[in-house]
Amino acid sequence: MFLQRLIEYASRLSLPPTLYAEAPVRYIIELDESGGLLNPQPTDTADRSSPRTRRGERRLVPRVQRTCKIRPRLLADNAEYTLGLVREGSDPERAAECHRAYRDLIARCAEATREPAVEAVRHFLEGDPLPQLCLPGDWDPSENVTFRVGGVFPVDLPAVQAFWAAEHDPRRDPG
C-alpha cells in the first residue's frame, strides 16, 4: 500500500528527464527540417538586465559531469564542442577532438531515434558549420549553444531524452 502511494505521488511530480538539468543556453542556431540554416546569425537569448538570464535563457538540457575527459553534452554544449570553435587559450587539436566527439554523439542519436530534427542537426554539422555562420563580435564560445529545427528544440523530444538516459546507463555495454 505504501509503495503504491509513493508511485502515485512520483507520477504527479514534475521531474526533469533523466540526466537533464536547467542550464543557461545563450545561443540558438535555427535550422529548417533538412538541416539548412534559416538565419546565419544565431539567436542570442542573453538578457544582461536580468541576473537569471544574463548568460542566456534557462532550459532543461542534457547534463553530464566532466573534468578533463572529453564528454559532449547532447545537442546543447559550448561552441568548442558544438561548432569546433577554439576558445582563447584552448588547444586546437583538443577542440577538434571535442567537436568530433560531439558529431559522433549526434550521429548515434540520429541513428537510434530516427528523429528528423536530430537528423537535420547532423546534416548541418556535416556541412562545415562555421563558415555558414555570422557570429557577432561579442560571441562567447564558452556559452551553451543549441538548435531549433522547424520550431522544435530537439533536446525536448522524448526519444532524444530516452537516448541520453540510455547512453549514460551504467548497465549499458560500452563496447
Protein backbone atom coordinates (compact mmCIF):
# COMPACT_ATOMS: atom_id res chain seq x y z
CA MET A 1 0.00 0.00 0.00
CA PHE A 2 2.73 2.46 0.98
CA LEU A 3 4.77 1.66 -2.15
CA GLN A 4 1.69 2.19 -4.33
CA ARG A 5 1.16 5.64 -2.77
CA LEU A 6 4.80 6.56 -3.42
CA ILE A 7 4.46 5.53 -7.05
CA GLU A 8 1.29 7.62 -7.40
CA TYR A 9 3.00 10.61 -5.77
CA ALA A 10 6.05 10.31 -8.02
CA SER A 11 3.86 10.26 -11.11
CA ARG A 12 2.42 13.68 -10.11
CA LEU A 13 5.82 15.31 -9.63
CA SER A 14 7.22 17.40 -12.41
CA LEU A 15 10.74 16.00 -12.54
CA PRO A 16 13.26 16.75 -15.27
CA PRO A 17 14.15 13.94 -17.66
CA THR A 18 16.97 11.62 -16.57
CA LEU A 19 20.36 13.38 -16.69
CA TYR A 20 18.78 16.70 -17.68
CA ALA A 21 19.20 19.87 -15.63
CA GLU A 22 18.35 23.51 -16.02
CA ALA A 23 21.23 25.48 -17.50
CA PRO A 24 21.65 28.75 -19.41
CA VAL A 25 21.60 28.38 -23.19
CA ARG A 26 22.84 31.56 -24.75
CA TYR A 27 22.74 30.79 -28.46
CA ILE A 28 20.16 29.07 -30.67
CA ILE A 29 21.02 28.02 -34.21
CA GLU A 30 17.85 27.98 -36.32
CA LEU A 31 17.60 25.21 -38.93
CA ASP A 32 14.95 24.06 -41.37
CA GLU A 33 13.77 20.44 -41.44
CA SER A 34 16.52 19.43 -43.87
CA GLY A 35 19.34 20.98 -41.81
CA GLY A 36 19.63 24.20 -43.78
CA LEU A 37 20.48 27.35 -41.89
CA LEU A 38 17.48 29.69 -41.52
CA ASN A 39 19.49 32.58 -40.13
CA PRO A 40 23.30 32.86 -40.33
CA GLN A 41 23.38 34.79 -37.04
CA PRO A 42 22.48 32.60 -34.03
CA THR A 43 19.77 33.94 -31.76
CA ASP A 44 21.30 35.40 -28.59
CA THR A 45 18.99 34.74 -25.63
CA ALA A 46 21.05 36.64 -23.04
CA ASP A 47 19.34 39.46 -21.19
CA ARG A 48 22.01 41.48 -19.36
CA SER A 49 19.37 43.28 -17.27
CA SER A 50 18.25 40.05 -15.55
CA PRO A 51 20.54 38.04 -13.25
CA ARG A 52 18.60 34.87 -14.13
CA THR A 53 19.09 35.16 -17.90
CA ARG A 54 22.31 37.19 -18.07
CA ARG A 55 24.11 34.12 -19.53
CA GLY A 56 21.14 33.02 -21.64
CA GLU A 57 17.66 31.58 -21.39
CA ARG A 58 17.45 28.79 -18.81
CA ARG A 59 16.33 25.47 -20.30
CA LEU A 60 16.31 21.80 -19.39
CA VAL A 61 19.22 20.33 -21.31
CA PRO A 62 21.33 17.15 -21.17
CA ARG A 63 23.98 17.35 -18.48
CA VAL A 64 26.91 15.19 -17.53
CA GLN A 65 29.80 16.00 -15.24
CA ARG A 66 33.12 16.43 -16.98
CA THR A 67 36.55 17.36 -15.78
CA CYS A 68 39.41 16.81 -18.20
CA LYS A 69 37.84 13.94 -20.16
CA ILE A 70 36.12 14.72 -23.48
CA ARG A 71 32.39 14.20 -22.81
CA PRO A 72 29.99 16.02 -25.14
CA ARG A 73 26.55 17.07 -23.96
CA LEU A 74 23.86 16.10 -26.43
CA LEU A 75 22.52 18.96 -28.56
CA ALA A 76 23.41 21.68 -26.02
CA ASP A 77 27.06 22.37 -25.33
CA ASN A 78 29.65 25.11 -25.65
CA ALA A 79 30.88 26.26 -29.07
CA GLU A 80 34.09 24.22 -28.82
CA TYR A 81 32.06 21.00 -28.77
CA THR A 82 29.14 22.17 -30.89
CA LEU A 83 30.98 24.02 -33.66
CA GLY A 84 34.65 23.17 -33.20
CA LEU A 85 35.36 26.82 -32.38
CA VAL A 86 38.62 27.08 -30.47
CA ARG A 87 38.33 29.12 -27.28
CA GLU A 88 41.09 31.51 -26.28
CA GLY A 89 43.84 29.52 -24.58
CA SER A 90 42.48 26.17 -25.79
CA ASP A 91 44.43 23.55 -27.70
CA PRO A 92 43.17 23.44 -31.33
CA GLU A 93 43.72 19.66 -31.51
CA ARG A 94 41.65 19.12 -28.38
CA ALA A 95 38.91 21.41 -29.72
CA ALA A 96 38.82 19.31 -32.90
CA GLU A 97 38.53 16.13 -30.78
CA CYS A 98 35.69 17.68 -28.76
CA HIS A 99 33.81 18.61 -31.93
CA ARG A 100 34.38 15.15 -33.43
CA ALA A 101 33.03 13.51 -30.25
CA TYR A 102 30.01 15.84 -30.35
CA ARG A 103 29.27 14.99 -34.00
CA ASP A 104 29.65 11.26 -33.24
CA LEU A 105 27.15 11.59 -30.38
CA ILE A 106 24.68 13.39 -32.66
CA ALA A 107 25.12 10.67 -35.29
CA ARG A 108 24.43 7.91 -32.72
CA CYS A 109 21.37 9.78 -31.51
CA ALA A 110 20.06 10.30 -35.05
CA GLU A 111 20.57 6.63 -35.82
CA ALA A 112 18.96 5.40 -32.60
CA THR A 113 15.98 7.78 -32.51
CA ARG A 114 15.29 8.30 -36.20
CA GLU A 115 14.11 11.79 -35.22
CA PRO A 116 14.04 14.11 -38.27
CA ALA A 117 15.09 17.11 -36.13
CA VAL A 118 18.22 15.30 -34.92
CA GLU A 119 18.97 14.20 -38.48
CA ALA A 120 18.70 17.86 -39.56
CA VAL A 121 21.29 18.88 -36.93
CA ARG A 122 23.53 16.03 -38.05
CA HIS A 123 23.26 17.19 -41.67
CA PHE A 124 24.09 20.79 -40.69
CA LEU A 125 27.16 19.76 -38.68
CA GLU A 126 28.46 17.57 -41.51
CA GLY A 127 28.43 20.61 -43.80
CA ASP A 128 31.24 22.55 -42.05
CA PRO A 129 29.06 24.88 -39.96
CA LEU A 130 31.49 27.68 -39.01
CA PRO A 131 31.81 29.31 -42.46
CA GLN A 132 27.99 29.34 -42.74
CA LEU A 133 27.53 31.34 -39.53
CA CYS A 134 27.90 35.08 -38.90
CA LEU A 135 28.98 35.15 -35.29
CA PRO A 136 28.52 38.50 -33.54
CA GLY A 137 31.51 40.41 -32.16
CA ASP A 138 30.51 39.64 -28.59
CA TRP A 139 30.22 35.88 -29.28
CA ASP A 140 31.27 33.91 -26.21
CA PRO A 141 32.47 30.41 -27.19
CA SER A 142 32.22 29.20 -23.59
CA GLU A 143 28.42 29.66 -23.54
CA ASN A 144 25.97 26.91 -24.46
CA VAL A 145 24.63 26.56 -27.99
CA THR A 146 21.58 24.52 -29.01
CA PHE A 147 19.42 24.04 -32.10
CA ARG A 148 15.83 24.74 -33.06
CA VAL A 149 14.63 22.79 -36.10
CA GLY A 150 11.40 23.93 -37.70
CA GLY A 151 10.34 25.48 -34.39
CA VAL A 152 11.21 22.38 -32.32
CA PHE A 153 14.08 22.03 -29.87
CA PRO A 154 15.48 18.51 -30.46
CA VAL A 155 16.65 18.36 -26.81
CA ASP A 156 12.96 18.45 -25.78
CA LEU A 157 11.95 15.35 -27.77
CA PRO A 158 11.10 12.28 -25.64
CA ALA A 159 13.12 9.96 -27.91
CA VAL A 160 16.19 12.18 -27.52
CA GLN A 161 15.73 12.29 -23.75
CA ALA A 162 15.45 8.48 -23.65
CA PHE A 163 18.56 8.15 -25.82
CA TRP A 164 20.55 10.40 -23.45
CA ALA A 165 19.47 8.36 -20.42
CA ALA A 166 20.34 5.10 -22.19
CA GLU A 167 23.69 6.48 -23.37
CA HIS A 168 24.70 7.03 -19.73
CA ASP A 169 23.07 3.95 -18.22
CA PRO A 170 25.77 2.27 -16.07
CA ARG A 171 24.40 -1.14 -17.13
CA ARG A 172 24.98 -0.35 -20.80
CA ASP A 173 27.66 -2.35 -22.60
CA PRO A 174 30.13 0.31 -23.83
CA GLY A 175 31.60 -1.99 -26.45
